[in-house]
C-alpha cells in the first residue's frame, strides 16, 4: 500500500508536506507511510479516500481506478453547467 500512497501523491503533484497538511499530519508521517516504516491506520485510510476522492479498492489492493469515477463525472458535469 505504501507504493500506492506515493503514486497517489505524485499523481496529485503534491509534496509530502502539502499531502500531509490536507490529511492533518506532518511530512514525516507521510514519509514513514511511503517508506513502509509506519502502517496505515483505518482513520488515515478513510481520510485519504475522502480527501482525494480515491477508490478504497485501489488503495487497498491496487485493483481498479485510482480515483472514484462517479464523483469525477459529477465534477465535470458541474464544470460544464457553470
N, C-alpha and C. Protein backbone atom coordinates (compact mmCIF):
# COMPACT_ATOMS: atom_id res chain seq x y z
N UNK A 1 0.83 -1.20 0.00
CA UNK A 1 0.00 0.00 0.00
C UNK A 1 0.87 1.26 0.00
N UNK A 2 2.06 1.16 0.58
CA UNK A 2 2.93 2.35 0.65
C UNK A 2 3.30 2.86 -0.75
N UNK A 3 3.47 1.95 -1.71
CA UNK A 3 3.78 2.38 -3.07
C UNK A 3 2.61 3.13 -3.69
N UNK A 4 1.40 2.70 -3.36
CA UNK A 4 0.21 3.38 -3.91
C UNK A 4 0.02 4.76 -3.30
N UNK A 5 0.38 4.92 -2.04
CA UNK A 5 0.29 6.25 -1.42
C UNK A 5 1.26 7.19 -2.12
N UNK A 6 2.47 6.73 -2.38
CA UNK A 6 3.45 7.55 -3.09
C UNK A 6 2.95 7.86 -4.51
N UNK A 7 2.41 6.85 -5.20
CA UNK A 7 1.90 7.05 -6.56
C UNK A 7 0.77 8.07 -6.57
N UNK A 8 -0.11 8.00 -5.58
CA UNK A 8 -1.22 8.95 -5.48
C UNK A 8 -0.69 10.36 -5.28
N UNK A 9 0.23 10.51 -4.35
CA UNK A 9 0.78 11.84 -4.07
C UNK A 9 1.45 12.43 -5.30
N UNK A 10 2.19 11.61 -6.01
CA UNK A 10 2.86 12.08 -7.22
C UNK A 10 1.84 12.41 -8.31
N UNK A 11 0.79 11.59 -8.44
CA UNK A 11 -0.27 11.86 -9.43
C UNK A 11 -0.94 13.20 -9.15
N UNK A 12 -1.11 13.52 -7.87
CA UNK A 12 -1.72 14.79 -7.47
C UNK A 12 -0.72 15.95 -7.50
N UNK A 13 0.54 15.62 -7.76
CA UNK A 13 1.61 16.63 -7.82
C UNK A 13 1.72 17.42 -6.51
N UNK A 14 1.70 16.67 -5.40
CA UNK A 14 1.81 17.27 -4.08
C UNK A 14 3.10 16.85 -3.41
N UNK A 15 3.71 17.77 -2.68
CA UNK A 15 4.86 17.42 -1.86
C UNK A 15 4.36 16.62 -0.66
N UNK A 16 5.27 15.97 0.03
CA UNK A 16 4.88 15.26 1.26
C UNK A 16 4.24 16.22 2.25
N UNK A 17 4.80 17.41 2.32
CA UNK A 17 4.28 18.41 3.26
C UNK A 17 2.84 18.80 2.90
N UNK A 18 2.58 19.11 1.64
CA UNK A 18 1.23 19.53 1.24
C UNK A 18 0.23 18.38 1.33
N UNK A 19 0.67 17.17 1.00
CA UNK A 19 -0.18 15.99 1.14
C UNK A 19 -0.56 15.80 2.60
N UNK A 20 0.44 15.91 3.48
CA UNK A 20 0.21 15.75 4.91
C UNK A 20 -0.70 16.81 5.49
N UNK A 21 -0.53 18.06 5.04
CA UNK A 21 -1.37 19.15 5.54
C UNK A 21 -2.84 18.84 5.26
N UNK A 22 -3.12 18.35 4.07
CA UNK A 22 -4.51 18.03 3.71
C UNK A 22 -5.08 16.91 4.59
N UNK A 23 -4.20 16.08 5.14
CA UNK A 23 -4.63 14.96 5.98
C UNK A 23 -4.46 15.23 7.47
N UNK A 24 -3.89 16.38 7.80
CA UNK A 24 -3.72 16.74 9.20
C UNK A 24 -2.52 16.10 9.87
N UNK A 25 -1.51 15.73 9.07
CA UNK A 25 -0.28 15.14 9.63
C UNK A 25 0.92 15.84 9.00
N UNK A 26 2.08 15.61 9.57
CA UNK A 26 3.30 16.22 9.05
C UNK A 26 3.93 15.41 7.93
N UNK A 27 4.92 16.02 7.29
CA UNK A 27 5.59 15.34 6.17
C UNK A 27 6.36 14.11 6.64
N UNK A 28 6.80 14.09 7.90
CA UNK A 28 7.50 12.92 8.42
C UNK A 28 6.57 11.71 8.45
N UNK A 29 5.32 11.93 8.84
CA UNK A 29 4.35 10.83 8.87
C UNK A 29 4.12 10.28 7.46
N UNK A 30 4.04 11.17 6.47
CA UNK A 30 3.84 10.73 5.09
C UNK A 30 5.06 9.96 4.61
N UNK A 31 6.23 10.46 4.93
CA UNK A 31 7.47 9.78 4.54
C UNK A 31 7.51 8.36 5.12
N UNK A 32 7.16 8.23 6.39
CA UNK A 32 7.16 6.91 7.03
C UNK A 32 6.13 5.97 6.41
N UNK A 33 4.97 6.51 6.02
CA UNK A 33 3.97 5.68 5.33
C UNK A 33 4.50 5.20 3.99
N UNK A 34 5.06 6.12 3.23
CA UNK A 34 5.57 5.78 1.89
C UNK A 34 6.74 4.80 1.94
N UNK A 35 7.54 4.89 2.99
CA UNK A 35 8.71 4.01 3.11
C UNK A 35 8.41 2.71 3.85
N UNK A 36 7.16 2.52 4.27
CA UNK A 36 6.78 1.30 4.95
C UNK A 36 7.22 1.23 6.39
N UNK A 37 7.63 2.35 6.96
CA UNK A 37 8.07 2.39 8.35
C UNK A 37 6.90 2.52 9.32
N UNK A 38 5.74 2.87 8.80
CA UNK A 38 4.53 3.03 9.61
C UNK A 38 3.37 2.43 8.83
N UNK A 39 2.51 1.72 9.56
CA UNK A 39 1.32 1.14 8.92
C UNK A 39 0.22 2.19 8.79
N UNK A 40 -0.56 2.06 7.76
CA UNK A 40 -1.68 2.95 7.52
C UNK A 40 -2.82 2.60 8.46
N UNK A 41 -3.26 3.55 9.27
CA UNK A 41 -4.38 3.31 10.18
C UNK A 41 -5.69 3.37 9.40
N UNK A 42 -6.73 2.82 9.98
CA UNK A 42 -8.05 2.89 9.34
C UNK A 42 -8.49 4.34 9.15
N UNK A 43 -8.21 5.17 10.15
CA UNK A 43 -8.60 6.57 10.06
C UNK A 43 -7.86 7.28 8.92
N UNK A 44 -6.57 7.02 8.79
CA UNK A 44 -5.79 7.65 7.73
C UNK A 44 -6.25 7.12 6.37
N UNK A 45 -6.55 5.83 6.29
CA UNK A 45 -7.04 5.23 5.05
C UNK A 45 -8.32 5.95 4.60
N UNK A 46 -9.25 6.11 5.52
CA UNK A 46 -10.52 6.78 5.20
C UNK A 46 -10.30 8.24 4.83
N UNK A 47 -9.37 8.89 5.53
CA UNK A 47 -9.07 10.30 5.24
C UNK A 47 -8.51 10.47 3.84
N UNK A 48 -7.60 9.59 3.44
CA UNK A 48 -7.02 9.66 2.10
C UNK A 48 -8.11 9.48 1.04
N UNK A 49 -8.95 8.49 1.23
CA UNK A 49 -10.01 8.23 0.26
C UNK A 49 -10.98 9.40 0.17
N UNK A 50 -11.35 9.96 1.29
CA UNK A 50 -12.31 11.07 1.31
C UNK A 50 -11.68 12.35 0.76
N UNK A 51 -10.52 12.70 1.23
CA UNK A 51 -9.90 13.97 0.87
C UNK A 51 -9.52 14.03 -0.60
N UNK A 52 -9.06 12.90 -1.16
CA UNK A 52 -8.55 12.91 -2.52
C UNK A 52 -9.44 12.14 -3.51
N UNK A 53 -10.63 11.73 -3.05
CA UNK A 53 -11.58 11.01 -3.91
C UNK A 53 -10.97 9.73 -4.48
N UNK A 54 -10.24 9.01 -3.62
CA UNK A 54 -9.54 7.80 -4.03
C UNK A 54 -10.44 6.58 -3.82
N UNK A 55 -10.36 5.65 -4.75
CA UNK A 55 -11.09 4.40 -4.64
C UNK A 55 -10.50 3.56 -3.51
N UNK A 56 -11.36 3.12 -2.60
CA UNK A 56 -10.89 2.27 -1.49
C UNK A 56 -10.28 0.98 -2.02
N UNK A 57 -10.89 0.40 -3.05
CA UNK A 57 -10.39 -0.85 -3.63
C UNK A 57 -8.99 -0.65 -4.20
N UNK A 58 -8.78 0.46 -4.90
CA UNK A 58 -7.46 0.71 -5.48
C UNK A 58 -6.42 0.90 -4.37
N UNK A 59 -6.76 1.67 -3.35
CA UNK A 59 -5.79 1.93 -2.29
C UNK A 59 -5.44 0.65 -1.53
N UNK A 60 -6.42 -0.21 -1.29
CA UNK A 60 -6.19 -1.46 -0.58
C UNK A 60 -5.41 -2.48 -1.41
N UNK A 61 -5.85 -2.67 -2.67
CA UNK A 61 -5.34 -3.79 -3.45
C UNK A 61 -4.62 -3.42 -4.74
N UNK A 62 -4.80 -2.19 -5.20
CA UNK A 62 -4.22 -1.80 -6.47
C UNK A 62 -5.11 -2.11 -7.66
N UNK A 63 -6.30 -2.66 -7.40
CA UNK A 63 -7.23 -3.02 -8.48
C UNK A 63 -8.17 -1.87 -8.79
N UNK A 64 -8.49 -1.72 -10.06
CA UNK A 64 -9.44 -0.69 -10.47
C UNK A 64 -8.76 0.65 -10.68
N UNK A 65 -9.59 1.67 -10.77
CA UNK A 65 -9.11 3.03 -11.00
C UNK A 65 -8.63 3.67 -9.70
N UNK A 66 -7.67 4.56 -9.82
CA UNK A 66 -7.14 5.26 -8.65
C UNK A 66 -8.23 6.14 -8.02
N UNK A 67 -8.99 6.80 -8.85
CA UNK A 67 -10.00 7.73 -8.35
C UNK A 67 -11.41 7.20 -8.59
N UNK A 68 -12.34 7.60 -7.73
CA UNK A 68 -13.73 7.26 -7.92
C UNK A 68 -14.27 8.02 -9.12
N UNK A 69 -14.73 7.31 -10.10
CA UNK A 69 -15.16 7.96 -11.34
C UNK A 69 -16.48 8.69 -11.20
N UNK A 70 -17.38 8.21 -10.37
CA UNK A 70 -18.69 8.86 -10.26
C UNK A 70 -18.55 10.30 -9.77
N UNK A 71 -17.70 10.53 -8.82
CA UNK A 71 -17.50 11.89 -8.32
C UNK A 71 -16.82 12.75 -9.38
N UNK A 72 -15.89 12.15 -10.13
CA UNK A 72 -15.21 12.89 -11.18
C UNK A 72 -16.22 13.31 -12.25
N UNK A 73 -17.13 12.40 -12.61
CA UNK A 73 -18.17 12.73 -13.59
C UNK A 73 -19.06 13.86 -13.09
N UNK A 74 -19.39 13.83 -11.80
CA UNK A 74 -20.21 14.89 -11.23
C UNK A 74 -19.50 16.23 -11.31
N UNK A 75 -18.21 16.24 -11.01
CA UNK A 75 -17.43 17.48 -11.08
C UNK A 75 -17.37 18.01 -12.51
N UNK A 76 -17.16 17.12 -13.47
CA UNK A 76 -17.11 17.53 -14.87
C UNK A 76 -18.45 18.11 -15.31
N UNK A 77 -19.54 17.47 -14.88
CA UNK A 77 -20.87 17.96 -15.23
C UNK A 77 -21.13 19.35 -14.64
N UNK A 78 -20.69 19.55 -13.38
CA UNK A 78 -20.86 20.86 -12.76
C UNK A 78 -20.01 21.91 -13.48
N UNK A 79 -18.81 21.54 -13.87
CA UNK A 79 -17.94 22.49 -14.59
C UNK A 79 -18.57 22.91 -15.91
N UNK A 80 -19.16 21.95 -16.61
CA UNK A 80 -19.81 22.26 -17.88
C UNK A 80 -21.02 23.15 -17.65
N UNK A 81 -21.78 22.83 -16.61
CA UNK A 81 -23.00 23.56 -16.31
C UNK A 81 -22.72 25.01 -15.93
N UNK A 82 -21.68 25.24 -15.15
CA UNK A 82 -21.39 26.59 -14.67
C UNK A 82 -20.22 27.20 -15.39
